[in-house]
N, C-alpha and C. Protein backbone atom coordinates (compact mmCIF):
# COMPACT_ATOMS: atom_id res chain seq x y z
N MET A 1 15.01 26.11 -0.71
CA MET A 1 13.78 26.10 0.06
C MET A 1 14.07 25.72 1.51
N ALA A 2 14.70 24.55 1.72
CA ALA A 2 15.03 24.13 3.07
C ALA A 2 16.14 23.09 3.02
N ARG A 3 16.94 23.04 4.07
CA ARG A 3 18.01 22.05 4.13
C ARG A 3 17.55 20.77 4.81
N ASP A 4 16.55 20.86 5.63
CA ASP A 4 16.06 19.71 6.38
C ASP A 4 14.93 19.03 5.60
N ILE A 5 15.10 17.76 5.29
CA ILE A 5 14.11 17.03 4.49
C ILE A 5 12.75 17.01 5.18
N ARG A 6 12.74 17.05 6.50
CA ARG A 6 11.46 17.03 7.23
C ARG A 6 10.64 18.27 6.91
N VAL A 7 11.30 19.40 6.73
CA VAL A 7 10.59 20.63 6.38
C VAL A 7 9.95 20.48 5.00
N LEU A 8 10.69 19.91 4.07
CA LEU A 8 10.15 19.71 2.72
C LEU A 8 8.95 18.75 2.75
N LEU A 9 9.05 17.71 3.53
CA LEU A 9 7.94 16.76 3.61
C LEU A 9 6.70 17.41 4.21
N ILE A 10 6.89 18.24 5.20
CA ILE A 10 5.75 18.96 5.80
C ILE A 10 5.15 19.92 4.79
N LYS A 11 5.99 20.62 4.03
CA LYS A 11 5.49 21.54 3.01
C LYS A 11 4.69 20.78 1.95
N LEU A 12 5.18 19.62 1.53
CA LEU A 12 4.47 18.83 0.53
C LEU A 12 3.12 18.34 1.08
N CYS A 13 3.11 17.88 2.32
CA CYS A 13 1.85 17.43 2.93
C CYS A 13 0.86 18.58 3.08
N ASP A 14 1.35 19.73 3.47
CA ASP A 14 0.48 20.90 3.61
C ASP A 14 -0.10 21.30 2.27
N ARG A 15 0.72 21.30 1.22
CA ARG A 15 0.23 21.67 -0.10
C ARG A 15 -0.79 20.65 -0.61
N LEU A 16 -0.54 19.39 -0.34
CA LEU A 16 -1.49 18.36 -0.77
C LEU A 16 -2.83 18.56 -0.06
N ASP A 17 -2.80 18.85 1.21
CA ASP A 17 -4.04 19.13 1.95
C ASP A 17 -4.74 20.35 1.36
N ASN A 18 -3.99 21.40 1.04
CA ASN A 18 -4.56 22.60 0.44
C ASN A 18 -5.20 22.29 -0.92
N MET A 19 -4.52 21.48 -1.72
CA MET A 19 -5.05 21.15 -3.04
C MET A 19 -6.34 20.34 -2.95
N ARG A 20 -6.42 19.49 -1.94
CA ARG A 20 -7.62 18.67 -1.77
C ARG A 20 -8.84 19.49 -1.36
N THR A 21 -8.62 20.68 -0.82
CA THR A 21 -9.74 21.52 -0.37
C THR A 21 -9.86 22.79 -1.20
N LEU A 22 -9.31 22.79 -2.37
CA LEU A 22 -9.28 23.98 -3.22
C LEU A 22 -10.65 24.39 -3.75
N GLU A 23 -11.62 23.48 -3.76
CA GLU A 23 -12.93 23.82 -4.31
C GLU A 23 -13.63 24.93 -3.54
N HIS A 24 -13.18 25.21 -2.33
CA HIS A 24 -13.80 26.25 -1.51
C HIS A 24 -13.22 27.64 -1.77
N MET A 25 -12.28 27.74 -2.68
CA MET A 25 -11.63 29.02 -2.96
C MET A 25 -12.14 29.59 -4.29
N SER A 26 -11.79 30.86 -4.52
CA SER A 26 -12.20 31.51 -5.77
C SER A 26 -11.48 30.86 -6.96
N LYS A 27 -12.05 31.03 -8.13
CA LYS A 27 -11.47 30.45 -9.35
C LYS A 27 -10.04 30.97 -9.59
N GLU A 28 -9.82 32.25 -9.34
CA GLU A 28 -8.49 32.83 -9.54
C GLU A 28 -7.47 32.19 -8.60
N ALA A 29 -7.87 32.00 -7.34
CA ALA A 29 -6.97 31.38 -6.36
C ALA A 29 -6.71 29.92 -6.74
N GLN A 30 -7.73 29.23 -7.21
CA GLN A 30 -7.58 27.83 -7.64
C GLN A 30 -6.53 27.73 -8.75
N GLU A 31 -6.65 28.61 -9.74
CA GLU A 31 -5.72 28.58 -10.86
C GLU A 31 -4.30 28.96 -10.44
N ARG A 32 -4.18 29.98 -9.62
CA ARG A 32 -2.86 30.42 -9.16
C ARG A 32 -2.17 29.33 -8.34
N ILE A 33 -2.89 28.75 -7.40
CA ILE A 33 -2.31 27.72 -6.54
C ILE A 33 -2.02 26.45 -7.35
N SER A 34 -2.88 26.11 -8.28
CA SER A 34 -2.65 24.93 -9.12
C SER A 34 -1.42 25.11 -9.99
N ARG A 35 -1.26 26.29 -10.57
CA ARG A 35 -0.09 26.55 -11.41
C ARG A 35 1.20 26.48 -10.58
N GLU A 36 1.17 27.08 -9.40
CA GLU A 36 2.32 27.04 -8.50
C GLU A 36 2.64 25.60 -8.09
N THR A 37 1.61 24.82 -7.86
CA THR A 37 1.80 23.42 -7.49
C THR A 37 2.47 22.65 -8.61
N LEU A 38 2.04 22.88 -9.84
CA LEU A 38 2.65 22.19 -10.99
C LEU A 38 4.10 22.62 -11.21
N GLU A 39 4.39 23.88 -10.96
CA GLU A 39 5.73 24.40 -11.23
C GLU A 39 6.74 24.09 -10.12
N ILE A 40 6.27 24.01 -8.88
CA ILE A 40 7.20 23.86 -7.75
C ILE A 40 7.04 22.52 -7.02
N TYR A 41 5.84 22.24 -6.55
CA TYR A 41 5.64 21.11 -5.66
C TYR A 41 5.64 19.75 -6.37
N SER A 42 5.06 19.68 -7.54
CA SER A 42 5.06 18.41 -8.27
C SER A 42 6.48 17.98 -8.66
N PRO A 43 7.29 18.87 -9.23
CA PRO A 43 8.68 18.48 -9.52
C PRO A 43 9.48 18.13 -8.26
N LEU A 44 9.21 18.83 -7.17
CA LEU A 44 9.91 18.53 -5.92
C LEU A 44 9.55 17.12 -5.43
N ALA A 45 8.26 16.80 -5.46
CA ALA A 45 7.83 15.45 -5.06
C ALA A 45 8.47 14.40 -5.97
N ASN A 46 8.55 14.70 -7.25
CA ASN A 46 9.17 13.77 -8.19
C ASN A 46 10.65 13.57 -7.86
N ARG A 47 11.36 14.64 -7.59
CA ARG A 47 12.79 14.53 -7.27
C ARG A 47 13.03 13.77 -5.97
N LEU A 48 12.08 13.87 -5.05
CA LEU A 48 12.20 13.15 -3.78
C LEU A 48 11.71 11.70 -3.90
N GLY A 49 11.18 11.35 -5.07
CA GLY A 49 10.73 9.98 -5.29
C GLY A 49 9.37 9.67 -4.69
N ILE A 50 8.56 10.70 -4.49
CA ILE A 50 7.23 10.50 -3.90
C ILE A 50 6.21 10.58 -5.03
N GLN A 51 6.11 9.49 -5.78
CA GLN A 51 5.27 9.44 -6.97
C GLN A 51 3.80 9.67 -6.66
N ALA A 52 3.34 9.17 -5.52
CA ALA A 52 1.93 9.33 -5.16
C ALA A 52 1.58 10.81 -5.01
N PHE A 53 2.46 11.58 -4.39
CA PHE A 53 2.22 13.03 -4.24
C PHE A 53 2.27 13.71 -5.60
N LYS A 54 3.29 13.37 -6.38
CA LYS A 54 3.44 13.98 -7.71
C LYS A 54 2.19 13.76 -8.54
N SER A 55 1.71 12.54 -8.59
CA SER A 55 0.52 12.21 -9.39
C SER A 55 -0.71 12.95 -8.89
N GLU A 56 -0.89 12.98 -7.58
CA GLU A 56 -2.07 13.67 -7.05
C GLU A 56 -1.97 15.18 -7.27
N PHE A 57 -0.78 15.76 -7.13
CA PHE A 57 -0.61 17.19 -7.43
C PHE A 57 -1.01 17.47 -8.88
N GLU A 58 -0.53 16.64 -9.80
CA GLU A 58 -0.82 16.86 -11.22
C GLU A 58 -2.31 16.67 -11.52
N ASP A 59 -2.91 15.64 -10.95
CA ASP A 59 -4.34 15.40 -11.19
C ASP A 59 -5.20 16.53 -10.64
N LEU A 60 -4.91 16.96 -9.42
CA LEU A 60 -5.70 18.04 -8.82
C LEU A 60 -5.49 19.36 -9.57
N SER A 61 -4.26 19.64 -9.97
CA SER A 61 -3.99 20.87 -10.73
C SER A 61 -4.71 20.84 -12.07
N PHE A 62 -4.67 19.70 -12.73
CA PHE A 62 -5.36 19.53 -14.02
C PHE A 62 -6.85 19.81 -13.87
N ARG A 63 -7.44 19.36 -12.76
CA ARG A 63 -8.87 19.57 -12.51
C ARG A 63 -9.22 21.06 -12.50
N TYR A 64 -8.33 21.90 -11.96
CA TYR A 64 -8.63 23.33 -11.85
C TYR A 64 -8.12 24.16 -13.02
N LEU A 65 -7.06 23.71 -13.67
CA LEU A 65 -6.51 24.47 -14.79
C LEU A 65 -7.20 24.15 -16.12
N GLU A 66 -7.65 22.91 -16.28
CA GLU A 66 -8.31 22.47 -17.52
C GLU A 66 -9.57 21.67 -17.16
N PRO A 67 -10.58 22.32 -16.57
CA PRO A 67 -11.74 21.57 -16.07
C PRO A 67 -12.50 20.79 -17.14
N GLU A 68 -12.67 21.35 -18.33
CA GLU A 68 -13.41 20.65 -19.38
C GLU A 68 -12.64 19.44 -19.89
N ALA A 69 -11.36 19.61 -20.13
CA ALA A 69 -10.53 18.50 -20.59
C ALA A 69 -10.46 17.41 -19.52
N CYS A 70 -10.39 17.82 -18.28
CA CYS A 70 -10.34 16.86 -17.17
C CYS A 70 -11.64 16.04 -17.12
N ALA A 71 -12.77 16.71 -17.22
CA ALA A 71 -14.06 16.02 -17.17
C ALA A 71 -14.19 15.02 -18.32
N THR A 72 -13.75 15.43 -19.51
CA THR A 72 -13.80 14.54 -20.67
C THR A 72 -12.91 13.32 -20.45
N LEU A 73 -11.72 13.55 -19.98
CA LEU A 73 -10.77 12.45 -19.77
C LEU A 73 -11.26 11.50 -18.68
N VAL A 74 -11.78 12.03 -17.60
CA VAL A 74 -12.31 11.19 -16.52
C VAL A 74 -13.46 10.34 -17.04
N SER A 75 -14.33 10.93 -17.83
CA SER A 75 -15.46 10.19 -18.41
C SER A 75 -14.96 9.06 -19.31
N GLN A 76 -13.98 9.34 -20.14
CA GLN A 76 -13.43 8.31 -21.02
C GLN A 76 -12.77 7.19 -20.23
N MET A 77 -12.08 7.55 -19.16
CA MET A 77 -11.43 6.54 -18.33
C MET A 77 -12.45 5.65 -17.64
N HIS A 78 -13.55 6.23 -17.18
CA HIS A 78 -14.59 5.44 -16.54
C HIS A 78 -15.23 4.48 -17.54
N GLN A 79 -15.41 4.93 -18.77
CA GLN A 79 -16.05 4.09 -19.79
C GLN A 79 -15.19 2.88 -20.15
N SER A 80 -13.89 3.03 -20.08
CA SER A 80 -13.01 1.93 -20.50
C SER A 80 -12.41 1.16 -19.31
N LYS A 81 -12.88 1.43 -18.10
CA LYS A 81 -12.28 0.82 -16.91
C LYS A 81 -12.36 -0.71 -16.93
N ARG A 82 -13.52 -1.27 -17.23
CA ARG A 82 -13.65 -2.73 -17.23
C ARG A 82 -12.69 -3.39 -18.22
N GLU A 83 -12.61 -2.79 -19.40
CA GLU A 83 -11.71 -3.34 -20.42
C GLU A 83 -10.25 -3.26 -19.97
N ARG A 84 -9.87 -2.15 -19.37
CA ARG A 84 -8.49 -2.00 -18.90
C ARG A 84 -8.20 -2.95 -17.75
N ASP A 85 -9.15 -3.13 -16.83
CA ASP A 85 -8.97 -4.07 -15.72
C ASP A 85 -8.78 -5.49 -16.24
N ARG A 86 -9.58 -5.86 -17.22
CA ARG A 86 -9.49 -7.20 -17.81
C ARG A 86 -8.13 -7.39 -18.49
N TYR A 87 -7.68 -6.38 -19.23
CA TYR A 87 -6.39 -6.45 -19.92
C TYR A 87 -5.24 -6.59 -18.92
N ILE A 88 -5.27 -5.79 -17.86
CA ILE A 88 -4.22 -5.85 -16.84
C ILE A 88 -4.19 -7.23 -16.18
N ALA A 89 -5.38 -7.76 -15.86
CA ALA A 89 -5.45 -9.09 -15.25
C ALA A 89 -4.88 -10.16 -16.19
N ASP A 90 -5.20 -10.06 -17.48
CA ASP A 90 -4.68 -11.02 -18.46
C ASP A 90 -3.15 -10.96 -18.55
N VAL A 91 -2.62 -9.76 -18.60
CA VAL A 91 -1.16 -9.59 -18.68
C VAL A 91 -0.50 -10.14 -17.42
N CYS A 92 -1.07 -9.86 -16.27
CA CYS A 92 -0.50 -10.36 -15.01
C CYS A 92 -0.53 -11.88 -14.96
N ARG A 93 -1.63 -12.47 -15.40
CA ARG A 93 -1.74 -13.93 -15.44
C ARG A 93 -0.68 -14.54 -16.36
N THR A 94 -0.54 -13.96 -17.54
CA THR A 94 0.46 -14.45 -18.50
C THR A 94 1.87 -14.32 -17.94
N LEU A 95 2.15 -13.17 -17.37
CA LEU A 95 3.48 -12.93 -16.81
C LEU A 95 3.77 -13.88 -15.65
N SER A 96 2.81 -14.06 -14.76
CA SER A 96 2.99 -14.97 -13.63
C SER A 96 3.22 -16.40 -14.11
N SER A 97 2.47 -16.80 -15.12
CA SER A 97 2.60 -18.15 -15.68
C SER A 97 4.00 -18.35 -16.27
N ARG A 98 4.46 -17.39 -17.03
CA ARG A 98 5.79 -17.51 -17.65
C ARG A 98 6.91 -17.48 -16.60
N LEU A 99 6.73 -16.68 -15.57
CA LEU A 99 7.72 -16.65 -14.49
C LEU A 99 7.74 -18.00 -13.77
N ALA A 100 6.56 -18.58 -13.54
CA ALA A 100 6.48 -19.88 -12.87
C ALA A 100 7.14 -20.96 -13.73
N ASP A 101 6.97 -20.89 -15.04
CA ASP A 101 7.61 -21.84 -15.95
C ASP A 101 9.13 -21.77 -15.85
N GLN A 102 9.64 -20.60 -15.50
CA GLN A 102 11.09 -20.42 -15.37
C GLN A 102 11.58 -20.73 -13.95
N GLY A 103 10.65 -21.15 -13.09
CA GLY A 103 11.04 -21.51 -11.72
C GLY A 103 11.01 -20.34 -10.75
N SER A 104 10.46 -19.24 -11.14
CA SER A 104 10.39 -18.07 -10.27
C SER A 104 9.06 -18.04 -9.53
N SER A 105 9.10 -17.64 -8.30
CA SER A 105 7.85 -17.55 -7.52
C SER A 105 7.43 -16.09 -7.34
N GLN A 106 7.81 -15.25 -8.25
CA GLN A 106 7.46 -13.83 -8.19
C GLN A 106 5.97 -13.64 -8.44
N ARG A 107 5.44 -12.60 -7.87
CA ARG A 107 4.03 -12.25 -8.08
C ARG A 107 3.98 -10.98 -8.92
N SER A 108 3.09 -10.92 -9.87
CA SER A 108 2.98 -9.72 -10.69
C SER A 108 1.64 -9.05 -10.44
N MET A 109 1.64 -7.73 -10.55
CA MET A 109 0.41 -6.97 -10.40
C MET A 109 0.49 -5.75 -11.30
N GLY A 110 -0.65 -5.23 -11.68
CA GLY A 110 -0.70 -4.08 -12.58
C GLY A 110 -1.41 -2.92 -11.92
N VAL A 111 -1.08 -1.73 -12.35
CA VAL A 111 -1.75 -0.52 -11.88
C VAL A 111 -2.18 0.29 -13.08
N GLN A 112 -3.21 1.10 -12.88
CA GLN A 112 -3.70 1.94 -13.96
C GLN A 112 -3.09 3.32 -13.85
N ASN A 113 -3.03 3.99 -15.00
CA ASN A 113 -2.53 5.36 -15.04
C ASN A 113 -3.49 6.33 -14.38
N THR A 114 -2.95 7.46 -13.96
CA THR A 114 -3.77 8.54 -13.46
C THR A 114 -4.24 9.38 -14.64
N CYS A 115 -5.12 10.33 -14.39
CA CYS A 115 -5.64 11.17 -15.47
C CYS A 115 -4.53 11.86 -16.24
N THR A 116 -3.64 12.53 -15.53
CA THR A 116 -2.60 13.30 -16.22
C THR A 116 -1.57 12.40 -16.91
N ALA A 117 -1.42 11.18 -16.45
CA ALA A 117 -0.50 10.26 -17.11
C ALA A 117 -1.04 9.81 -18.46
N CYS A 118 -2.35 9.95 -18.66
CA CYS A 118 -2.98 9.51 -19.92
C CYS A 118 -2.95 10.59 -20.99
N ILE A 119 -2.64 11.81 -20.64
CA ILE A 119 -2.67 12.91 -21.61
C ILE A 119 -1.60 12.68 -22.66
N GLY A 120 -1.99 12.77 -23.90
CA GLY A 120 -1.06 12.63 -25.00
C GLY A 120 -0.79 11.20 -25.41
N LYS A 121 -1.49 10.24 -24.80
CA LYS A 121 -1.28 8.83 -25.15
C LYS A 121 -2.40 8.32 -25.99
């Protein structure tokens, strides 16, 4: 694709911008661009270690390739958000406490999965 990493970064940023505005295009274009994004740009972002891009590419592609499944999953995630937040806070508190008992001053924090990271779990 390119030898200069800056070119790849610009291509990834451009594709991310395109994916964020895909709702203004025809359904066929949405599906074609989403499929291409999953096959080319998401793996490239992953190989470059840009997890935020990879996750957003996958989530946006999922929205256009599997709209019904995406809507169901988003609804389920919203319904369980409070419970998941509480669980993450409890785990972080426990971990921080145990680290402090060992003399470590490390801070722990938790993050939630994205829509596509939850598929199959």
